[in-house]
Structure formats: C-alpha cells, structure tokens
Protein backbone atom coordinates (compact mmCIF):
# COMPACT_ATOMS: atom_id res chain seq x y z
CA MET A 1 -38.59 -49.60 -72.64
CA HIS A 2 -38.19 -47.99 -69.21
CA HIS A 3 -41.97 -47.84 -68.81
CA ALA A 4 -42.36 -51.51 -69.81
CA LEU A 5 -39.77 -52.58 -67.24
CA ARG A 6 -41.45 -50.55 -64.51
CA THR A 7 -44.83 -52.01 -65.45
CA SER A 8 -43.42 -55.56 -65.34
CA ILE A 9 -41.81 -55.01 -61.96
CA ARG A 10 -45.01 -53.51 -60.56
CA ALA A 11 -47.04 -56.47 -61.89
CA PHE A 12 -44.63 -58.86 -60.13
CA PHE A 13 -45.56 -57.34 -56.76
CA THR A 14 -49.26 -56.60 -57.43
CA ASP A 15 -52.21 -58.79 -56.44
CA LYS A 16 -55.48 -59.21 -58.37
CA GLU A 17 -57.00 -56.13 -56.71
CA GLY A 18 -54.08 -53.94 -57.74
CA ASN A 19 -52.49 -53.77 -54.27
CA VAL A 20 -48.70 -53.91 -54.04
CA VAL A 21 -47.91 -56.88 -51.79
CA ILE A 22 -44.35 -57.36 -50.63
CA ALA A 23 -45.00 -58.60 -47.10
CA GLN A 24 -48.10 -59.74 -45.28
CA LYS A 25 -49.14 -60.46 -41.72
CA ALA A 26 -47.70 -63.81 -40.64
CA ASN A 27 -50.11 -66.71 -41.04
CA ALA A 28 -50.40 -69.80 -38.81
CA PRO A 29 -47.74 -71.94 -40.57
CA LEU A 30 -45.23 -69.09 -40.40
CA LEU A 31 -46.00 -68.47 -36.73
CA ALA A 32 -45.60 -72.21 -36.10
CA TRP A 33 -42.23 -72.10 -37.84
CA PHE A 34 -41.10 -69.19 -35.65
CA THR A 35 -42.16 -71.23 -32.62
CA THR A 36 -40.09 -74.20 -33.78
CA LEU A 37 -37.09 -71.90 -34.22
CA ILE A 38 -37.40 -70.94 -30.56
CA GLY A 39 -37.63 -74.64 -29.73
CA LEU A 40 -34.51 -75.29 -31.80
CA PHE A 41 -32.59 -72.61 -29.94
CA VAL A 42 -33.67 -73.87 -26.51
CA THR A 43 -33.05 -77.55 -27.31
CA ASN A 44 -29.63 -76.77 -28.73
CA HIS A 45 -28.53 -75.89 -25.20
CA LEU A 46 -31.06 -77.66 -22.95
CA PHE A 47 -33.20 -80.75 -23.48
CA THR A 48 -31.00 -81.78 -26.41
CA GLN A 49 -32.95 -85.03 -26.88
CA LEU A 50 -35.83 -82.91 -28.25
CA HIS A 51 -33.66 -81.06 -30.79
CA PRO A 52 -34.34 -83.50 -33.69
CA PHE A 53 -38.09 -83.13 -33.11
CA PHE A 54 -37.91 -79.35 -33.35
CA ARG A 55 -35.66 -79.54 -36.42
CA ALA A 56 -38.12 -81.83 -38.21
CA ALA A 57 -41.05 -79.65 -37.11
CA SER A 58 -39.28 -76.54 -38.41
CA TYR A 59 -38.78 -78.11 -41.83
CA ILE A 60 -42.37 -79.36 -41.98
CA THR A 61 -43.86 -75.99 -41.06
CA ILE A 62 -41.69 -73.90 -43.39
CA ILE A 63 -42.25 -76.30 -46.30
CA TYR A 64 -46.00 -76.15 -45.67
CA TRP A 65 -45.83 -72.33 -45.68
CA ALA A 66 -43.74 -72.36 -48.87
CA LEU A 67 -46.19 -74.66 -50.64
CA LEU A 68 -49.08 -72.42 -49.62
CA GLU A 69 -47.25 -69.45 -51.14
CA ILE A 70 -46.34 -71.35 -54.32
CA PHE A 71 -49.91 -72.46 -54.98
CA GLU A 72 -51.97 -69.72 -53.31
CA GLY A 73 -49.68 -66.69 -53.20
CA VAL A 74 -51.48 -63.44 -54.00
CA CYS A 75 -48.89 -62.21 -56.50
CA PRO A 76 -45.93 -63.57 -58.49
CA TRP A 77 -43.50 -62.23 -55.86
CA ARG A 78 -45.13 -64.30 -53.11
CA LYS A 79 -45.11 -67.40 -55.35
CA PHE A 80 -41.43 -66.84 -56.15
CA LEU A 81 -40.62 -66.32 -52.47
CA GLY A 82 -42.38 -69.60 -51.66
CA LEU A 83 -40.32 -71.39 -54.32
CA VAL A 84 -37.05 -69.97 -52.98
CA VAL A 85 -37.91 -70.92 -49.38
CA TYR A 86 -39.03 -74.38 -50.49
CA THR A 87 -35.75 -74.93 -52.35
CA ILE A 88 -33.66 -73.78 -49.37
CA ALA A 89 -35.65 -76.03 -47.02
CA VAL A 90 -35.25 -79.10 -49.26
CA VAL A 91 -31.50 -78.49 -49.49
CA GLY A 92 -31.43 -78.18 -45.70
CA ILE A 93 -33.26 -81.49 -45.29
CA VAL A 94 -30.88 -83.25 -47.66
CA ARG A 95 -27.85 -81.83 -45.83
CA TRP A 96 -29.37 -82.84 -42.46
CA ALA A 97 -30.12 -86.36 -43.72
CA MET A 98 -26.58 -86.78 -45.05
CA GLY A 99 -25.16 -85.93 -41.65
C-alpha cells in the first residue's frame, strides 16, 4: 500500500517524459499577470482612474494562464493548479462585480 501511494503521488507530479514537474519557468501570460499586479499596486496609490483597467487585465491574464494549465498542463499537478487558480480568479471576479 505504501508503494502504491508513493507511485500515485509521483505520477501526479510527473510529465510524459518521466520528469518531476512542480514548477516551471514563467510563461508570457504569467509574466503579463505579474506586470498587471505591479500596475495594480501603483494605481492603488497613484493614477487611481487606471486601477479598474489593471484589475480587469490581471483577471484576464491569470484566467488565460489557468486555462492553459488546465488544458495543456504537462502533468496532473499543473492541471490541478490551473483549476485552483481559475476557481479563485472567478470567485474574485464575482466578488469584484458585486461591489
């Protein structure tokens, strides 16, 4: 039983080539999201009229990244991570829309 659990956990983090993949180099959508976070921080204190733009852009970019992971993630862990991030982002959008 212990061996089966270890094998299952390893398979969760392993890609098709047998590499363990927990984290990867940031791709363009993730870098864009980081950029929008900087924009959110700056526009929270200065240029506040641009804050809604950066908030919307942050949701768009992180949802795009999450969908890429859900549908093209290299291992089950990455797909699961995409699903979790997608869910959190959708809840954030709903809360933002409700005021």
